Amino acid sequence: MKEIRLIPALELGNKLNVDVMDFPDGKAEPGAKERRRCAITVDYGPRDVRELKERGLDTEGMLEYYRKRIYDLVKVNISQDWECVGGMEEVLQIVENHLLKD
């Protein structure tokens, strides 16, 4: 399974660009080289949040939705299963801050 690190790159209003980093030499170890594998965009506009609330999701449910959404977006881009070795909590914290605004 591929090890991936997520880096929040640019927060623009209702979306967040996230750099997806992998480790071409194998595992994520101290001093391991990283490369930018791809980037994804996480949308959390008022309409998106409203639709999730209409489904009956609370904040925790919405965060779980976004965790799965991020996993699926990265999986499509790298064409394999992966595990996060860093950055997911930072990305979800940004998303949560926007969810609480709406």
Protein backbone atom coordinates (compact mmCIF):
# COMPACT_ATOMS: atom_id res chain seq x y z
CA MET A 1 0.00 0.00 0.00
CA LYS A 2 1.34 3.41 -0.98
CA GLU A 3 2.24 5.85 1.79
CA ILE A 4 1.04 9.40 1.14
CA ARG A 5 1.41 12.72 2.93
CA LEU A 6 -1.13 15.50 2.39
CA ILE A 7 -0.12 19.15 2.45
CA PRO A 8 -2.76 21.90 2.51
CA ALA A 9 -1.47 24.15 -0.28
CA LEU A 10 -3.93 26.94 -0.98
CA GLU A 11 -7.20 27.86 0.68
CA LEU A 12 -9.50 29.75 -1.68
CA GLY A 13 -12.91 30.71 -0.32
CA ASN A 14 -14.97 27.53 -0.60
CA LYS A 15 -12.23 25.12 -1.59
CA LEU A 16 -8.85 23.85 -0.52
CA ASN A 17 -6.07 22.73 -2.82
CA VAL A 18 -4.05 19.88 -1.34
CA ASP A 19 -0.68 18.61 -2.56
CA VAL A 20 -0.35 14.83 -2.49
CA MET A 21 3.19 13.71 -1.73
CA ASP A 22 4.64 10.24 -2.03
CA PHE A 23 7.98 8.63 -1.31
CA PRO A 24 9.68 7.29 -4.46
CA ASP A 25 12.31 5.39 -2.46
CA GLY A 26 9.72 3.41 -0.52
CA LYS A 27 8.49 4.17 2.98
CA ALA A 28 8.02 7.47 4.78
CA GLU A 29 11.05 7.49 7.06
CA PRO A 30 12.95 10.37 8.61
CA GLY A 31 14.95 12.03 5.84
CA ALA A 32 13.06 10.20 3.06
CA LYS A 33 12.74 12.08 -0.21
CA GLU A 34 9.25 13.24 -1.15
CA ARG A 35 7.80 14.17 -4.49
CA ARG A 36 4.55 15.82 -5.43
CA ARG A 37 2.50 13.05 -6.96
CA CYS A 38 -0.61 15.10 -7.75
CA ALA A 39 -2.95 17.66 -6.27
CA ILE A 40 -6.61 17.47 -5.32
CA THR A 41 -9.25 20.09 -4.59
CA VAL A 42 -11.63 19.71 -1.68
CA ASP A 43 -14.84 21.73 -2.14
CA TYR A 44 -16.91 22.78 0.86
CA GLY A 45 -19.15 25.52 -0.50
CA PRO A 46 -22.46 26.46 1.15
CA ARG A 47 -24.39 24.30 -1.31
CA ASP A 48 -22.19 21.26 -0.56
CA VAL A 49 -22.60 21.75 3.19
CA ARG A 50 -26.36 22.29 2.87
CA GLU A 51 -26.73 19.03 0.93
CA LEU A 52 -24.82 17.13 3.61
CA LYS A 53 -26.98 18.66 6.35
CA GLU A 54 -30.12 17.73 4.39
CA ARG A 55 -28.88 14.13 4.44
CA GLY A 56 -28.95 14.41 8.23
CA LEU A 57 -25.18 14.51 8.78
CA ASP A 58 -23.80 16.32 11.81
CA THR A 59 -20.29 17.82 11.90
CA GLU A 60 -18.66 14.44 12.63
CA GLY A 61 -20.63 12.80 9.84
CA MET A 62 -19.60 15.53 7.41
CA LEU A 63 -15.95 15.17 8.39
CA GLU A 64 -16.17 11.43 7.79
CA TYR A 65 -17.73 12.18 4.39
CA TYR A 66 -14.78 14.47 3.55
CA ARG A 67 -12.23 11.92 4.83
CA LYS A 68 -13.69 9.32 2.45
CA ARG A 69 -13.94 11.87 -0.36
CA ILE A 70 -10.26 12.78 0.04
CA TYR A 71 -9.30 9.09 0.08
CA ASP A 72 -11.28 8.45 -3.11
CA LEU A 73 -9.88 11.52 -4.91
CA VAL A 74 -6.30 10.53 -4.14
CA LYS A 75 -6.96 6.89 -5.05
CA VAL A 76 -8.28 7.90 -8.47
CA ASN A 77 -5.20 10.05 -9.08
CA ILE A 78 -2.59 7.50 -7.99
CA SER A 79 -4.49 4.40 -9.18
CA GLN A 80 -3.97 2.40 -6.00
CA ASP A 81 -4.92 2.09 -2.35
CA TRP A 82 -2.97 4.29 0.02
CA GLU A 83 -2.51 5.18 3.65
CA CYS A 84 -1.98 8.64 5.03
CA VAL A 85 1.24 9.15 6.99
CA GLY A 86 0.58 12.83 7.69
CA GLY A 87 -1.52 15.84 6.88
CA MET A 88 -5.05 14.43 6.95
CA GLU A 89 -5.87 16.02 10.31
CA GLU A 90 -4.62 19.43 9.12
CA VAL A 91 -6.76 19.19 5.98
CA LEU A 92 -9.83 18.11 7.95
CA GLN A 93 -9.30 20.93 10.47
CA ILE A 94 -9.52 23.46 7.64
CA VAL A 95 -12.65 21.77 6.33
CA GLU A 96 -14.17 21.71 9.83
CA ASN A 97 -13.55 25.44 10.27
CA HIS A 98 -15.59 26.08 7.12
CA LEU A 99 -18.32 23.64 8.11
CA LEU A 100 -18.79 25.46 11.41
CA LYS A 101 -19.13 28.82 9.62
CA ASP A 102 -22.15 27.67 7.60
